[in-house]
Amino acid sequence: MPGLKEFLLGGIVPMIAALAAFAFAWVASRRASVAWPVGVIVGYLSGTIALEAGTVGVAAALKKLGSPHDAHEWTWMLAFAAAIPAIVAPFLGERRGWRWLLIVPLVAGVPLWLMWRSKYLPSAADRATGFMTQAWSVGEAILILGAVAAAMLLVWRLWEANEPSDQPRTRGFLVAVALSCAAAVAGMSGSFVYAYVIGIVAASVGGCFFAALACRANVGPEYAAGPIVLLSGSLLMLATLISDLKPLHAAGLWIAIALASSRLPGKPASERGRIVLRSVLCLLPLVAVAGHAGCKFAESQRQLQEEAESNPYMNL
């Protein structure tokens, strides 16, 4: 179970790093398209190193960063890759839409890359052993990974379609809340590794939110749509397919993350009405998923307690 040490390393460290990086980038450039991605990427990288260093030391953590083994250990590279379209966009001028020629293959390739050589997509040699009973067929792989890629593309597009002036601070806060809830639900499902890593993303977004408040920068998370969407989407996929997060829980969390910063049709005219509408739409799936996951977690803990009490060897 996560303790104070994990909370400090995976929560406080990335939040402070993201806050400092956002503030520095904002003061230096006065551009949200620079400050938000820099804050999220620096926060995520700092949290990843800090959490790993808490177990194996800083030198080993840095070495492991350069030679990842597990799928989630590659995700820091995705944050950098997801920022490339935003970097290229200013050079395209009126043809900014062409950046989607980079975004589409990037998002389409990420699920395949992360799942490659897993129990679902083993090598030909591993398949030949006959032990890979959970391996997908070609059709299943296309359907599942295509659905994941399409979901990430849709949310990326919906985030960028929103008006930057439409409740940017509310959206930043709600994205941080949605990601924090996703980390908590992953933890309650037993996916502790992914709970830690999703928590780092949440803390990084939270750090950028507080930095925007401190710098009086009225800018929202759509400027870092690439890194946030690609990281959170990839980690929810891994927590579902490789660990124990329930698919319905992952879907509910993804809907909440999408609604936290997407463009909403038919919004009320008043500013307060828009804030209430967005908050309700975002929090409803979060409450439903967290409530159901909490009930399942409480039931599993009760069963473990009963088994421990009925085991005579546990009471010696």
C-alpha atoms as a PDB file:
ATOM      1  CA  MET A   1       0.000   0.000   0.000  1.00  0.00           C
ATOM      2  CA  PRO A   2       1.202   3.550  -0.736  1.00  0.00           C
ATOM      3  CA  GLY A   3       2.697   5.302   2.264  1.00  0.00           C
ATOM      4  CA  LEU A   4       3.952   8.751   3.191  1.00  0.00           C
ATOM      5  CA  LYS A   5       7.236   8.205   1.349  1.00  0.00           C
ATOM      6  CA  GLU A   6       5.471   7.362  -1.931  1.00  0.00           C
ATOM      7  CA  PHE A   7       3.132  10.325  -1.471  1.00  0.00           C
ATOM      8  CA  LEU A   8       6.040  12.720  -1.015  1.00  0.00           C
ATOM      9  CA  LEU A   9       8.148  11.334  -3.863  1.00  0.00           C
ATOM     10  CA  GLY A  10       5.328  10.714  -6.335  1.00  0.00           C
ATOM     11  CA  GLY A  11       3.136  13.663  -5.357  1.00  0.00           C
ATOM     12  CA  ILE A  12       4.947  16.572  -3.737  1.00  0.00           C
ATOM     13  CA  VAL A  13       8.165  16.322  -5.770  1.00  0.00           C
ATOM     14  CA  PRO A  14       6.488  16.396  -9.225  1.00  0.00           C
ATOM     15  CA  MET A  15       4.070  19.112  -8.105  1.00  0.00           C
ATOM     16  CA  ILE A  16       6.883  21.401  -6.953  1.00  0.00           C
ATOM     17  CA  ALA A  17       8.970  20.613 -10.044  1.00  0.00           C
ATOM     18  CA  ALA A  18       6.033  21.316 -12.364  1.00  0.00           C
ATOM     19  CA  LEU A  19       5.202  24.544 -10.531  1.00  0.00           C
ATOM     20  CA  ALA A  20       8.777  25.801 -10.779  1.00  0.00           C
ATOM     21  CA  ALA A  21       9.168  24.771 -14.425  1.00  0.00           C
ATOM     22  CA  PHE A  22       5.850  26.349 -15.439  1.00  0.00           C
ATOM     23  CA  ALA A  23       6.676  29.600 -13.624  1.00  0.00           C
ATOM     24  CA  PHE A  24      10.138  29.806 -15.197  1.00  0.00           C
ATOM     25  CA  ALA A  25       8.842  29.038 -18.697  1.00  0.00           C
ATOM     26  CA  TRP A  26       5.997  31.530 -18.325  1.00  0.00           C
ATOM     27  CA  VAL A  27       8.244  34.348 -17.129  1.00  0.00           C
ATOM     28  CA  ALA A  28      10.751  33.604 -19.900  1.00  0.00           C
ATOM     29  CA  SER A  29       8.301  33.258 -22.783  1.00  0.00           C
ATOM     30  CA  ARG A  30       4.845  34.487 -21.715  1.00  0.00           C
ATOM     31  CA  ARG A  31       3.473  31.676 -23.858  1.00  0.00           C
ATOM     32  CA  ALA A  32       1.056  29.072 -22.501  1.00  0.00           C
ATOM     33  CA  SER A  33       2.081  26.721 -25.326  1.00  0.00           C
ATOM     34  CA  VAL A  34       5.542  26.671 -23.735  1.00  0.00           C
ATOM     35  CA  ALA A  35       4.744  26.868 -20.015  1.00  0.00           C
ATOM     36  CA  TRP A  36       2.127  24.097 -19.812  1.00  0.00           C
ATOM     37  CA  PRO A  37       4.064  21.374 -21.722  1.00  0.00           C
ATOM     38  CA  VAL A  38       7.331  22.248 -19.961  1.00  0.00           C
ATOM     39  CA  GLY A  39       5.632  22.117 -16.565  1.00  0.00           C
ATOM     40  CA  VAL A  40       3.920  18.775 -17.200  1.00  0.00           C
ATOM     41  CA  ILE A  41       6.990  17.105 -18.727  1.00  0.00           C
ATOM     42  CA  VAL A  42       9.429  18.333 -16.061  1.00  0.00           C
ATOM     43  CA  GLY A  43       6.988  17.376 -13.307  1.00  0.00           C
ATOM     44  CA  TYR A  44       6.416  13.898 -14.711  1.00  0.00           C
ATOM     45  CA  LEU A  45      10.112  13.260 -15.285  1.00  0.00           C
ATOM     46  CA  SER A  46      11.029  14.525 -11.800  1.00  0.00           C
ATOM     47  CA  GLY A  47       8.349  12.417 -10.133  1.00  0.00           C
ATOM     48  CA  THR A  48       9.365   9.314 -12.067  1.00  0.00           C
ATOM     49  CA  ILE A  49      13.013   9.706 -11.061  1.00  0.00           C
ATOM     50  CA  ALA A  50      12.164  10.556  -7.439  1.00  0.00           C
ATOM     51  CA  LEU A  51       9.826   7.597  -6.978  1.00  0.00           C
ATOM     52  CA  GLU A  52      12.357   5.175  -8.463  1.00  0.00           C
ATOM     53  CA  ALA A  53      15.239   6.735  -6.538  1.00  0.00           C
ATOM     54  CA  GLY A  54      13.367   6.183  -3.289  1.00  0.00           C
ATOM     55  CA  THR A  55      13.848   2.450  -3.833  1.00  0.00           C
ATOM     56  CA  VAL A  56      17.149   2.025  -5.677  1.00  0.00           C
ATOM     57  CA  GLY A  57      18.926   5.381  -5.336  1.00  0.00           C
ATOM     58  CA  VAL A  58      19.367   8.296  -7.726  1.00  0.00           C
ATOM     59  CA  ALA A  59      22.163   6.802  -9.852  1.00  0.00           C
ATOM     60  CA  ALA A  60      20.280   3.548 -10.436  1.00  0.00           C
ATOM     61  CA  ALA A  61      17.065   5.475 -11.128  1.00  0.00           C
ATOM     62  CA  LEU A  62      18.752   7.577 -13.818  1.00  0.00           C
ATOM     63  CA  LYS A  63      20.311   4.460 -15.337  1.00  0.00           C
ATOM     64  CA  LYS A  64      16.944   2.709 -15.380  1.00  0.00           C
ATOM     65  CA  LEU A  65      15.385   5.772 -17.015  1.00  0.00           C
ATOM     66  CA  GLY A  66      17.687   5.295 -19.999  1.00  0.00           C
ATOM     67  CA  SER A  67      17.064   1.553 -20.271  1.00  0.00           C
ATOM     68  CA  PRO A  68      13.375   0.928 -19.467  1.00  0.00           C
ATOM     69  CA  HIS A  69      12.092  -2.607 -19.026  1.00  0.00           C
ATOM     70  CA  ASP A  70       8.402  -2.525 -18.110  1.00  0.00           C
ATOM     71  CA  ALA A  71       5.888  -0.798 -20.378  1.00  0.00           C
ATOM     72  CA  HIS A  72       5.094   2.077 -18.010  1.00  0.00           C
ATOM     73  CA  GLU A  73       8.802   2.924 -17.741  1.00  0.00           C
ATOM     74  CA  TRP A  74       8.761   4.053 -21.380  1.00  0.00           C
ATOM     75  CA  THR A  75       6.012   6.600 -20.878  1.00  0.00           C
ATOM     76  CA  TRP A  76       8.312   9.519 -20.006  1.00  0.00           C
ATOM     77  CA  MET A  77       9.489   9.365 -23.616  1.00  0.00           C
ATOM     78  CA  LEU A  78       5.887   9.664 -24.770  1.00  0.00           C
ATOM     79  CA  ALA A  79       5.550  12.988 -22.960  1.00  0.00           C
ATOM     80  CA  PHE A  80       8.410  14.407 -25.034  1.00  0.00           C
ATOM     81  CA  ALA A  81       7.101  12.880 -28.265  1.00  0.00           C
ATOM     82  CA  ALA A  82       3.610  14.274 -27.622  1.00  0.00           C
ATOM     83  CA  ALA A  83       5.023  17.806 -27.355  1.00  0.00           C
ATOM     84  CA  ILE A  84       6.582  17.691 -30.844  1.00  0.00           C
ATOM     85  CA  PRO A  85       3.372  18.642 -32.762  1.00  0.00           C
ATOM     86  CA  ALA A  86       2.975  21.743 -30.570  1.00  0.00           C
ATOM     87  CA  ILE A  87       6.610  22.679 -31.200  1.00  0.00           C
ATOM     88  CA  VAL A  88       6.167  22.284 -34.954  1.00  0.00           C
ATOM     89  CA  ALA A  89       2.811  24.138 -35.116  1.00  0.00           C
ATOM     90  CA  PRO A  90       4.181  27.737 -35.050  1.00  0.00           C
ATOM     91  CA  PHE A  91       6.370  26.988 -38.064  1.00  0.00           C
ATOM     92  CA  LEU A  92       3.353  25.821 -40.074  1.00  0.00           C
ATOM     93  CA  GLY A  93       1.618  29.208 -39.955  1.00  0.00           C
ATOM     94  CA  GLU A  94      -1.846  28.977 -41.469  1.00  0.00           C
ATOM     95  CA  ARG A  95      -1.317  25.269 -42.077  1.00  0.00           C
ATOM     96  CA  ARG A  96      -1.316  24.400 -38.381  1.00  0.00           C
ATOM     97  CA  GLY A  97      -3.833  21.641 -39.120  1.00  0.00           C
ATOM     98  CA  TRP A  98      -1.026  19.714 -40.793  1.00  0.00           C
ATOM     99  CA  ARG A  99       0.365  18.889 -37.366  1.00  0.00           C
ATOM    100  CA  TRP A 100      -2.270  16.152 -37.248  1.00  0.00           C
ATOM    101  CA  LEU A 101      -0.143  14.341 -39.810  1.00  0.00           C
ATOM    102  CA  LEU A 102       2.227  13.860 -36.873  1.00  0.00           C
ATOM    103  CA  ILE A 103      -0.379  13.360 -34.172  1.00  0.00           C
ATOM    104  CA  VAL A 104      -2.383  10.584 -35.850  1.00  0.00           C
ATOM    105  CA  PRO A 105       0.499   8.133 -36.470  1.00  0.00           C
ATOM    106  CA  LEU A 106       1.965   8.956 -33.059  1.00  0.00           C
ATOM    107  CA  VAL A 107      -1.238   8.117 -31.192  1.00  0.00           C
ATOM    108  CA  ALA A 108      -1.925   5.105 -33.409  1.00  0.00           C
ATOM    109  CA  GLY A 109       1.539   3.682 -32.760  1.00  0.00           C
ATOM    110  CA  VAL A 110       1.737   4.235 -28.994  1.00  0.00           C
ATOM    111  CA  PRO A 111      -0.689   1.455 -27.866  1.00  0.00           C
ATOM    112  CA  LEU A 112       0.988  -1.031 -30.207  1.00  0.00           C
ATOM    113  CA  TRP A 113       4.454  -0.064 -28.994  1.00  0.00           C
ATOM    114  CA  LEU A 114       3.554  -0.319 -25.304  1.00  0.00           C
ATOM    115  CA  MET A 115       1.814  -3.677 -25.681  1.00  0.00           C
ATOM    116  CA  TRP A 116       4.447  -5.226 -27.969  1.00  0.00           C
ATOM    117  CA  ARG A 117       6.029  -8.396 -26.557  1.00  0.00           C
ATOM    118  CA  SER A 118       3.413  -8.496 -23.788  1.00  0.00           C
ATOM    119  CA  LYS A 119       1.255 -11.544 -23.076  1.00  0.00           C
ATOM    120  CA  TYR A 120      -1.255 -10.184 -25.607  1.00  0.00           C
ATOM    121  CA  LEU A 121       1.236  -9.487 -28.412  1.00  0.00           C
ATOM    122  CA  PRO A 122       4.055 -12.019 -27.873  1.00  0.00           C
ATOM    123  CA  SER A 123       6.785 -12.741 -30.352  1.00  0.00           C
ATOM    124  CA  ALA A 124       6.395 -15.580 -32.862  1.00  0.00           C
ATOM    125  CA  ALA A 125       8.797 -17.693 -30.818  1.00  0.00           C
ATOM    126  CA  ASP A 126       6.778 -17.163 -27.655  1.00  0.00           C
ATOM    127  CA  ARG A 127       3.553 -18.011 -29.482  1.00  0.00           C
ATOM    128  CA  ALA A 128       5.107 -21.235 -30.706  1.00  0.00           C
ATOM    129  CA  THR A 129       5.616 -22.465 -27.143  1.00  0.00           C
ATOM    130  CA  GLY A 130       1.862 -22.793 -26.740  1.00  0.00           C
ATOM    131  CA  PHE A 131       1.872 -21.142 -23.313  1.00  0.00           C
ATOM    132  CA  MET A 132       0.701 -17.719 -24.504  1.00  0.00           C
ATOM    133  CA  THR A 133      -2.988 -18.531 -24.127  1.00  0.00           C
ATOM    134  CA  GLN A 134      -4.006 -14.880 -23.734  1.00  0.00           C
ATOM    135  CA  ALA A 135      -2.423 -13.758 -26.997  1.00  0.00           C
ATOM    136  CA  TRP A 136      -4.685 -11.726 -29.283  1.00  0.00           C
ATOM    137  CA  SER A 137      -5.468 -12.581 -32.837  1.00  0.00           C
ATOM    138  CA  VAL A 138      -4.724  -9.944 -35.484  1.00  0.00           C
ATOM    139  CA  GLY A 139      -8.367  -8.904 -35.523  1.00  0.00           C
ATOM    140  CA  GLU A 140      -8.564  -8.588 -31.751  1.00  0.00           C
ATOM    141  CA  ALA A 141      -5.368  -6.533 -31.644  1.00  0.00           C
ATOM    142  CA  ILE A 142      -6.631  -4.142 -34.320  1.00  0.00           C
ATOM    143  CA  LEU A 143      -9.996  -3.745 -32.592  1.00  0.00           C
ATOM    144  CA  ILE A 144      -8.668  -3.184 -29.052  1.00  0.00           C
ATOM    145  CA  LEU A 145      -5.632  -1.055 -29.834  1.00  0.00           C
ATOM    146  CA  GLY A 146      -7.556   0.850 -32.498  1.00  0.00           C
ATOM    147  CA  ALA A 147     -10.258   1.695 -29.952  1.00  0.00           C
ATOM    148  CA  VAL A 148      -7.637   2.953 -27.473  1.00  0.00           C
ATOM    149  CA  ALA A 149      -5.947   5.093 -30.129  1.00  0.00           C
ATOM    150  CA  ALA A 150      -9.281   6.484 -31.334  1.00  0.00           C
ATOM    151  CA  ALA A 151     -10.260   7.409 -27.763  1.00  0.00           C
ATOM    152  CA  MET A 152      -7.000   9.301 -27.234  1.00  0.00           C
ATOM    153  CA  LEU A 153      -7.261  11.066 -30.581  1.00  0.00           C
ATOM    154  CA  LEU A 154     -10.834  12.138 -29.846  1.00  0.00           C
ATOM    155  CA  VAL A 155      -9.968  13.599 -26.437  1.00  0.00           C
ATOM    156  CA  TRP A 156      -6.877  15.343 -27.809  1.00  0.00           C
ATOM    157  CA  ARG A 157      -9.039  16.928 -30.508  1.00  0.00           C
ATOM    158  CA  LEU A 158     -11.828  17.895 -28.095  1.00  0.00           C
ATOM    159  CA  TRP A 159      -9.368  19.529 -25.713  1.00  0.00           C
ATOM    160  CA  GLU A 160      -7.766  21.592 -28.468  1.00  0.00           C
ATOM    161  CA  ALA A 161     -11.186  22.559 -29.872  1.00  0.00           C
ATOM    162  CA  ASN A 162     -12.118  24.325 -26.659  1.00  0.00           C
ATOM    163  CA  GLU A 163     -11.862  28.105 -26.461  1.00  0.00           C
ATOM    164  CA  PRO A 164      -8.735  28.999 -24.434  1.00  0.00           C
ATOM    165  CA  SER A 165     -10.695  31.721 -22.636  1.00  0.00           C
ATOM    166  CA  ASP A 166     -13.439  29.312 -21.519  1.00  0.00           C
ATOM    167  CA  GLN A 167     -12.806  28.673 -17.776  1.00  0.00           C
ATOM    168  CA  PRO A 168      -9.116  27.768 -18.144  1.00  0.00           C
ATOM    169  CA  ARG A 169      -8.517  27.606 -14.390  1.00  0.00           C
ATOM    170  CA  THR A 170     -11.615  25.526 -13.763  1.00  0.00           C
ATOM    171  CA  ARG A 171     -10.508  23.101 -16.445  1.00  0.00           C
ATOM    172  CA  GLY A 172      -6.982  22.841 -15.042  1.00  0.00           C
ATOM    173  CA  PHE A 173      -8.378  22.100 -11.591  1.00  0.00           C
ATOM    174  CA  LEU A 174     -10.836  19.496 -12.874  1.00  0.00           C
ATOM    175  CA  VAL A 175      -8.166  17.703 -14.913  1.00  0.00           C
ATOM    176  CA  ALA A 176      -6.002  17.423 -11.790  1.00  0.00           C
ATOM    177  CA  VAL A 177      -8.987  16.128  -9.790  1.00  0.00           C
ATOM    178  CA  ALA A 178      -9.928  13.581 -12.475  1.00  0.00           C
ATOM    179  CA  LEU A 179      -6.361  12.251 -12.688  1.00  0.00           C
ATOM    180  CA  SER A 180      -6.077  12.091  -8.890  1.00  0.00           C
ATOM    181  CA  CYS A 181      -9.278  10.059  -8.786  1.00  0.00           C
ATOM    182  CA  ALA A 182      -7.918   7.787 -11.524  1.00  0.00           C
ATOM    183  CA  ALA A 183      -4.825   7.145  -9.393  1.00  0.00           C
ATOM    184  CA  ALA A 184      -6.987   6.376  -6.358  1.00  0.00           C
ATOM    185  CA  VAL A 185      -9.222   3.961  -8.286  1.00  0.00           C
ATOM    186  CA  ALA A 186      -6.168   2.206  -9.747  1.00  0.00           C
ATOM    187  CA  GLY A 187      -4.834   1.819  -6.208  1.00  0.00           C
ATOM    188  CA  MET A 188      -8.118   0.402  -4.910  1.00  0.00           C
ATOM    189  CA  SER A 189      -8.079  -2.146  -7.736  1.00  0.00           C
ATOM    190  CA  GLY A 190      -4.626  -3.329  -6.647  1.00  0.00           C
ATOM    191  CA  SER A 191      -2.779  -1.662  -9.535  1.00  0.00           C
ATOM    192  CA  PHE A 192      -0.362   0.120  -7.198  1.00  0.00           C
ATOM    193  CA  VAL A 193       2.389   0.703  -9.757  1.00  0.00           C
ATOM    194  CA  TYR A 194      -0.031   2.472 -12.076  1.00  0.00           C
ATOM    195  CA  ALA A 195      -1.615   4.321  -9.179  1.00  0.00           C
ATOM    196  CA  TYR A 196       1.811   5.807  -8.430  1.00  0.00           C
ATOM    197  CA  VAL A 197       2.505   6.785 -12.027  1.00  0.00           C
ATOM    198  CA  ILE A 198      -0.948   8.228 -12.741  1.00  0.00           C
ATOM    199  CA  GLY A 199      -0.568  10.107  -9.475  1.00  0.00           C
ATOM    200  CA  ILE A 200       2.615  11.683 -10.846  1.00  0.00           C
ATOM    201  CA  VAL A 201       0.673  12.950 -13.875  1.00  0.00           C
ATOM    202  CA  ALA A 202      -2.018  14.348 -11.564  1.00  0.00           C
ATOM    203  CA  ALA A 203       0.579  16.084  -9.386  1.00  0.00           C
ATOM    204  CA  SER A 204       2.282  17.573 -12.454  1.00  0.00           C
ATOM    205  CA  VAL A 205      -1.007  18.999 -13.720  1.00  0.00           C
ATOM    206  CA  GLY A 206      -1.767  20.274 -10.223  1.00  0.00           C
ATOM    207  CA  GLY A 207       1.616  21.995 -10.074  1.00  0.00           C
ATOM    208  CA  CYS A 208       0.914  23.743 -13.380  1.00  0.00           C
ATOM    209  CA  PHE A 209      -2.518  24.792 -12.115  1.00  0.00           C
ATOM    210  CA  PHE A 210      -1.047  26.396  -8.978  1.00  0.00           C
ATOM    211  CA  ALA A 211       1.745  27.998 -11.003  1.00  0.00           C
ATOM    212  CA  ALA A 212      -0.819  29.541 -13.370  1.00  0.00           C
ATOM    213  CA  LEU A 213      -2.639  30.990 -10.369  1.00  0.00           C
ATOM    214  CA  ALA A 214       0.587  32.354  -8.876  1.00  0.00           C
ATOM    215  CA  CYS A 215       1.681  33.880 -12.194  1.00  0.00           C
ATOM    216  CA  ARG A 216      -1.835  35.188 -12.899  1.00  0.00           C
ATOM    217  CA  ALA A 217      -1.732  33.290 -16.180  1.00  0.00           C
ATOM    218  CA  ASN A 218      -5.301  32.674 -17.272  1.00  0.00           C
ATOM    219  CA  VAL A 219      -4.394  29.663 -19.414  1.00  0.00           C
ATOM    220  CA  GLY A 220      -5.658  26.084 -19.382  1.00  0.00           C
ATOM    221  CA  PRO A 221      -4.396  22.521 -19.901  1.00  0.00           C
ATOM    222  CA  GLU A 222      -5.350  22.378 -23.582  1.00  0.00           C
ATOM    223  CA  TYR A 223      -1.877  23.791 -24.279  1.00  0.00           C
ATOM    224  CA  ALA A 224      -0.433  20.530 -22.953  1.00  0.00           C
ATOM    225  CA  ALA A 225      -3.147  18.324 -24.431  1.00  0.00           C
ATOM    226  CA  GLY A 226      -0.589  16.064 -26.099  1.00  0.00           C
ATOM    227  CA  PRO A 227       1.505  15.075 -23.065  1.00  0.00           C
ATOM    228  CA  ILE A 228      -1.453  14.875 -20.656  1.00  0.00           C
ATOM    229  CA  VAL A 229      -3.750  12.889 -22.954  1.00  0.00           C
ATOM    230  CA  LEU A 230      -1.066  10.527 -24.191  1.00  0.00           C
ATOM    231  CA  LEU A 231       0.280   9.843 -20.689  1.00  0.00           C
ATOM    232  CA  SER A 232      -3.071   9.371 -18.971  1.00  0.00           C
ATOM    233  CA  GLY A 233      -4.542   7.339 -21.827  1.00  0.00           C
ATOM    234  CA  SER A 234      -1.522   5.050 -22.066  1.00  0.00           C
ATOM    235  CA  LEU A 235      -1.366   4.472 -18.312  1.00  0.00           C
ATOM    236  CA  LEU A 236      -5.089   3.704 -18.046  1.00  0.00           C
ATOM    237  CA  MET A 237      -4.690   1.224 -20.913  1.00  0.00           C
ATOM    238  CA  LEU A 238      -1.755  -0.487 -19.202  1.00  0.00           C
ATOM    239  CA  ALA A 239      -3.498  -0.538 -15.823  1.00  0.00           C
ATOM    240  CA  THR A 240      -6.475  -2.249 -17.478  1.00  0.00           C
ATOM    241  CA  LEU A 241      -4.743  -4.719 -19.783  1.00  0.00           C
ATOM    242  CA  ILE A 242      -1.650  -5.575 -17.736  1.00  0.00           C
ATOM    243  CA  SER A 243      -2.888  -4.980 -14.184  1.00  0.00           C
ATOM    244  CA  ASP A 244      -6.283  -5.175 -12.456  1.00  0.00           C
ATOM    245  CA  LEU A 245      -8.141  -1.947 -13.284  1.00  0.00           C
ATOM    246  CA  LYS A 246     -11.660  -2.818 -14.477  1.00  0.00           C
ATOM    247  CA  PRO A 247     -12.454  -1.824 -18.097  1.00  0.00           C
ATOM    248  CA  LEU A 248     -15.669  -0.054 -17.058  1.00  0.00           C
ATOM    249  CA  HIS A 249     -13.774   1.883 -14.415  1.00  0.00           C
ATOM    250  CA  ALA A 250     -11.155   2.891 -16.962  1.00  0.00           C
ATOM    251  CA  ALA A 251     -13.872   3.999 -19.394  1.00  0.00           C
ATOM    252  CA  GLY A 252     -15.611   6.097 -16.733  1.00  0.00           C
ATOM    253  CA  LEU A 253     -12.339   7.724 -15.710  1.00  0.00           C
ATOM    254  CA  TRP A 254     -11.492   8.482 -19.338  1.00  0.00           C
ATOM    255  CA  ILE A 255     -14.883  10.132 -19.860  1.00  0.00           C
ATOM    256  CA  ALA A 256     -14.273  12.317 -16.800  1.00  0.00           C
ATOM    257  CA  ILE A 257     -10.803  13.296 -18.037  1.00  0.00           C
ATOM    258  CA  ALA A 258     -12.286  14.160 -21.431  1.00  0.00           C
ATOM    259  CA  LEU A 259     -15.094  16.286 -19.991  1.00  0.00           C
ATOM    260  CA  ALA A 260     -12.729  18.090 -17.630  1.00  0.00           C
ATOM    261  CA  SER A 261     -11.310  20.189 -20.478  1.00  0.00           C
ATOM    262  CA  SER A 262     -13.246  19.400 -23.657  1.00  0.00           C
ATOM    263  CA  ARG A 263     -15.368  21.850 -25.552  1.00  0.00           C
ATOM    264  CA  LEU A 264     -18.950  21.486 -24.332  1.00  0.00           C
ATOM    265  CA  PRO A 265     -21.836  22.098 -26.765  1.00  0.00           C
ATOM    266  CA  GLY A 266     -24.927  23.992 -25.665  1.00  0.00           C
ATOM    267  CA  LYS A 267     -23.302  25.679 -22.694  1.00  0.00           C
ATOM    268  CA  PRO A 268     -25.269  28.071 -20.476  1.00  0.00           C
ATOM    269  CA  ALA A 269     -24.685  31.742 -21.238  1.00  0.00           C
ATOM    270  CA  SER A 270     -23.416  32.728 -17.792  1.00  0.00           C
ATOM    271  CA  GLU A 271     -19.871  32.067 -16.611  1.00  0.00           C
ATOM    272  CA  ARG A 272     -21.103  30.478 -13.395  1.00  0.00           C
ATOM    273  CA  GLY A 273     -23.518  28.269 -15.343  1.00  0.00           C
ATOM    274  CA  ARG A 274     -20.685  26.989 -17.552  1.00  0.00           C
ATOM    275  CA  ILE A 275     -18.542  26.206 -14.532  1.00  0.00           C
ATOM    276  CA  VAL A 276     -21.391  24.315 -12.843  1.00  0.00           C
ATOM    277  CA  LEU A 277     -22.213  22.363 -16.011  1.00  0.00           C
ATOM    278  CA  ARG A 278     -18.617  21.308 -16.633  1.00  0.00           C
ATOM    279  CA  SER A 279     -18.042  20.406 -12.994  1.00  0.00           C
ATOM    280  CA  VAL A 280     -21.189  18.283 -12.789  1.00  0.00           C
ATOM    281  CA  LEU A 281     -20.477  16.465 -16.058  1.00  0.00           C
ATOM    282  CA  CYS A 282     -16.906  15.737 -14.976  1.00  0.00           C
ATOM    283  CA  LEU A 283     -17.639  14.756 -11.385  1.00  0.00           C
ATOM    284  CA  LEU A 284     -20.619  12.472 -12.063  1.00  0.00           C
ATOM    285  CA  PRO A 285     -18.581   9.668 -13.687  1.00  0.00           C
ATOM    286  CA  LEU A 286     -15.833  10.178 -11.112  1.00  0.00           C
ATOM    287  CA  VAL A 287     -18.247   9.724  -8.211  1.00  0.00           C
ATOM    288  CA  ALA A 288     -19.817   6.670  -9.856  1.00  0.00           C
ATOM    289  CA  VAL A 289     -16.477   4.984 -10.581  1.00  0.00           C
ATOM    290  CA  ALA A 290     -14.857   5.876  -7.256  1.00  0.00           C
ATOM    291  CA  GLY A 291     -17.952   4.791  -5.324  1.00  0.00           C
ATOM    292  CA  HIS A 292     -18.133   1.421  -7.060  1.00  0.00           C
ATOM    293  CA  ALA A 293     -14.391   0.843  -6.746  1.00  0.00           C
ATOM    294  CA  GLY A 294     -14.523   1.834  -3.082  1.00  0.00           C
ATOM    295  CA  CYS A 295     -17.320  -0.644  -2.382  1.00  0.00           C
ATOM    296  CA  LYS A 296     -15.406  -3.439  -4.116  1.00  0.00           C
ATOM    297  CA  PHE A 297     -12.256  -2.539  -2.193  1.00  0.00           C
ATOM    298  CA  ALA A 298     -14.091  -2.509   1.146  1.00  0.00           C
ATOM    299  CA  GLU A 299     -15.658  -5.889   0.353  1.00  0.00           C
ATOM    300  CA  SER A 300     -12.288  -7.416  -0.537  1.00  0.00           C
ATOM    301  CA  GLN A 301     -10.759  -6.064   2.678  1.00  0.00           C
ATOM    302  CA  ARG A 302     -13.658  -7.495   4.687  1.00  0.00           C
ATOM    303  CA  GLN A 303     -13.172 -10.910   3.109  1.00  0.00           C
ATOM    304  CA  LEU A 304      -9.445 -10.820   3.831  1.00  0.00           C
ATOM    305  CA  GLN A 305     -10.170  -9.909   7.444  1.00  0.00           C
ATOM    306  CA  GLU A 306     -12.641 -12.755   7.806  1.00  0.00           C
ATOM    307  CA  GLU A 307     -10.168 -15.220   6.299  1.00  0.00           C
ATOM    308  CA  ALA A 308      -7.460 -14.001   8.648  1.00  0.00           C
ATOM    309  CA  GLU A 309      -9.744 -14.344  11.675  1.00  0.00           C
ATOM    310  CA  SER A 310     -10.828 -17.849  10.665  1.00  0.00           C
ATOM    311  CA  ASN A 311      -7.245 -19.001  10.097  1.00  0.00           C
ATOM    312  CA  PRO A 312      -5.977 -20.512  13.368  1.00  0.00           C
ATOM    313  CA  TYR A 313      -2.349 -20.024  12.380  1.00  0.00           C
ATOM    314  CA  MET A 314      -2.894 -16.261  12.038  1.00  0.00           C
ATOM    315  CA  ASN A 315      -3.934 -15.974  15.685  1.00  0.00           C
ATOM    316  CA  LEU A 316      -0.906 -17.721  17.216  1.00  0.00           C
END
